[in-house]
Amino acid sequence: MTEHRIVSLDALRARLRAALGRDSLLAARFDRALERRDADLVAEAMRQLDRYPEEIRRAVHEVILDWLFGPAGESDLRRRLGLGA
């Protein structure tokens, strides 16, 4: 049976704010990009993410994967990306 998930950009924005903190410049970049639904701004936020420490990059990647695919362990993609099971 195929599982269907409904995801919203507002939920992703909230998750990123929770993970990064409301005062984070990176959270503000993602928030603005997702609020405007602007692919170029999202791409720029991802480029800026590359400048952050590994711990923060991993947290953002996990938030995005959990938002898309569900909690840890539900997607083989997590293991392939080295984000654990």
C-alpha atoms as a PDB file:
ATOM      1  CA  MET A   1       0.000   0.000   0.000  1.00  0.00           C
ATOM      2  CA  THR A   2       1.267   3.442  -0.874  1.00  0.00           C
ATOM      3  CA  GLU A   3       1.490   5.960   1.919  1.00  0.00           C
ATOM      4  CA  HIS A   4       0.439   9.506   1.150  1.00  0.00           C
ATOM      5  CA  ARG A   5       1.791  12.461   3.073  1.00  0.00           C
ATOM      6  CA  ILE A   6       0.632  16.030   3.044  1.00  0.00           C
ATOM      7  CA  VAL A   7       3.411  18.524   3.596  1.00  0.00           C
ATOM      8  CA  SER A   8       3.194  22.283   3.821  1.00  0.00           C
ATOM      9  CA  LEU A   9       5.850  24.923   3.495  1.00  0.00           C
ATOM     10  CA  ASP A  10       4.464  26.588   6.610  1.00  0.00           C
ATOM     11  CA  ALA A  11       5.202  23.409   8.560  1.00  0.00           C
ATOM     12  CA  LEU A  12       8.743  23.331   7.169  1.00  0.00           C
ATOM     13  CA  ARG A  13       9.238  26.984   8.114  1.00  0.00           C
ATOM     14  CA  ALA A  14       8.107  26.241  11.671  1.00  0.00           C
ATOM     15  CA  ARG A  15      10.367  23.206  11.944  1.00  0.00           C
ATOM     16  CA  LEU A  16      13.393  25.131  10.705  1.00  0.00           C
ATOM     17  CA  ARG A  17      12.711  27.986  13.151  1.00  0.00           C
ATOM     18  CA  ALA A  18      12.436  25.465  15.984  1.00  0.00           C
ATOM     19  CA  ALA A  19      15.695  23.766  14.996  1.00  0.00           C
ATOM     20  CA  LEU A  20      17.716  26.915  14.327  1.00  0.00           C
ATOM     21  CA  GLY A  21      16.160  29.353  16.773  1.00  0.00           C
ATOM     22  CA  ARG A  22      14.044  32.383  16.017  1.00  0.00           C
ATOM     23  CA  ASP A  23      17.012  34.778  16.124  1.00  0.00           C
ATOM     24  CA  SER A  24      19.096  32.796  13.632  1.00  0.00           C
ATOM     25  CA  LEU A  25      20.039  34.576  10.413  1.00  0.00           C
ATOM     26  CA  LEU A  26      19.905  31.245   8.605  1.00  0.00           C
ATOM     27  CA  ALA A  27      16.387  30.580   9.923  1.00  0.00           C
ATOM     28  CA  ALA A  28      15.353  34.036   8.703  1.00  0.00           C
ATOM     29  CA  ARG A  29      16.788  33.290   5.235  1.00  0.00           C
ATOM     30  CA  PHE A  30      14.888  30.008   4.973  1.00  0.00           C
ATOM     31  CA  ASP A  31      11.744  31.592   6.370  1.00  0.00           C
ATOM     32  CA  ARG A  32      11.782  34.417   3.821  1.00  0.00           C
ATOM     33  CA  ALA A  33      12.571  32.062   0.933  1.00  0.00           C
ATOM     34  CA  LEU A  34       9.820  29.604   1.830  1.00  0.00           C
ATOM     35  CA  GLU A  35       7.279  32.310   2.619  1.00  0.00           C
ATOM     36  CA  ARG A  36       7.830  33.798  -0.828  1.00  0.00           C
ATOM     37  CA  ARG A  37       8.070  30.346  -2.430  1.00  0.00           C
ATOM     38  CA  ASP A  38      11.123  31.605  -4.270  1.00  0.00           C
ATOM     39  CA  ALA A  39      13.406  28.874  -5.611  1.00  0.00           C
ATOM     40  CA  ASP A  40      16.330  31.273  -6.018  1.00  0.00           C
ATOM     41  CA  LEU A  41      16.086  32.382  -2.380  1.00  0.00           C
ATOM     42  CA  VAL A  42      15.869  28.747  -1.239  1.00  0.00           C
ATOM     43  CA  ALA A  43      18.969  27.947  -3.282  1.00  0.00           C
ATOM     44  CA  GLU A  44      20.785  30.909  -1.713  1.00  0.00           C
ATOM     45  CA  ALA A  45      19.777  29.757   1.785  1.00  0.00           C
ATOM     46  CA  MET A  46      21.167  26.302   0.980  1.00  0.00           C
ATOM     47  CA  ARG A  47      24.431  27.881  -0.229  1.00  0.00           C
ATOM     48  CA  GLN A  48      24.638  29.853   3.013  1.00  0.00           C
ATOM     49  CA  LEU A  49      24.001  26.632   4.947  1.00  0.00           C
ATOM     50  CA  ASP A  50      27.240  25.237   3.495  1.00  0.00           C
ATOM     51  CA  ARG A  51      29.120  27.892   5.500  1.00  0.00           C
ATOM     52  CA  TYR A  52      27.749  26.670   8.821  1.00  0.00           C
ATOM     53  CA  PRO A  53      29.264  23.959  11.047  1.00  0.00           C
ATOM     54  CA  GLU A  54      28.513  20.325  10.267  1.00  0.00           C
ATOM     55  CA  GLU A  55      26.203  20.013  13.280  1.00  0.00           C
ATOM     56  CA  ILE A  56      23.903  22.749  11.966  1.00  0.00           C
ATOM     57  CA  ARG A  57      24.004  21.454   8.389  1.00  0.00           C
ATOM     58  CA  ARG A  58      23.062  17.986   9.602  1.00  0.00           C
ATOM     59  CA  ALA A  59      20.201  19.375  11.717  1.00  0.00           C
ATOM     60  CA  VAL A  60      18.753  21.292   8.759  1.00  0.00           C
ATOM     61  CA  HIS A  61      19.071  18.278   6.458  1.00  0.00           C
ATOM     62  CA  GLU A  62      17.321  16.089   9.033  1.00  0.00           C
ATOM     63  CA  VAL A  63      14.499  18.616   9.437  1.00  0.00           C
ATOM     64  CA  ILE A  64      13.970  18.700   5.674  1.00  0.00           C
ATOM     65  CA  LEU A  65      14.097  14.904   5.297  1.00  0.00           C
ATOM     66  CA  ASP A  66      11.744  14.363   8.246  1.00  0.00           C
ATOM     67  CA  TRP A  67       9.361  16.939   6.778  1.00  0.00           C
ATOM     68  CA  LEU A  68       9.361  15.180   3.413  1.00  0.00           C
ATOM     69  CA  PHE A  69       9.564  11.515   4.362  1.00  0.00           C
ATOM     70  CA  GLY A  70       8.479  11.188   7.998  1.00  0.00           C
ATOM     71  CA  PRO A  71      10.392  10.339  11.160  1.00  0.00           C
ATOM     72  CA  ALA A  72      13.853   8.788  11.141  1.00  0.00           C
ATOM     73  CA  GLY A  73      13.974   5.244   9.862  1.00  0.00           C
ATOM     74  CA  GLU A  74      11.118   5.580   7.392  1.00  0.00           C
ATOM     75  CA  SER A  75      13.304   6.323   4.399  1.00  0.00           C
ATOM     76  CA  ASP A  76      16.276   4.518   2.936  1.00  0.00           C
ATOM     77  CA  LEU A  77      17.337   7.947   1.665  1.00  0.00           C
ATOM     78  CA  ARG A  78      18.527   8.865   5.180  1.00  0.00           C
ATOM     79  CA  ARG A  79      21.031   6.006   5.208  1.00  0.00           C
ATOM     80  CA  ARG A  80      22.288   6.822   1.726  1.00  0.00           C
ATOM     81  CA  LEU A  81      22.885  10.420   2.788  1.00  0.00           C
ATOM     82  CA  GLY A  82      24.693   9.291   5.928  1.00  0.00           C
ATOM     83  CA  LEU A  83      22.061  10.740   8.266  1.00  0.00           C
ATOM     84  CA  GLY A  84      21.470   7.556  10.249  1.00  0.00           C
ATOM     85  CA  ALA A  85      18.535   5.223  10.396  1.00  0.00           C
END
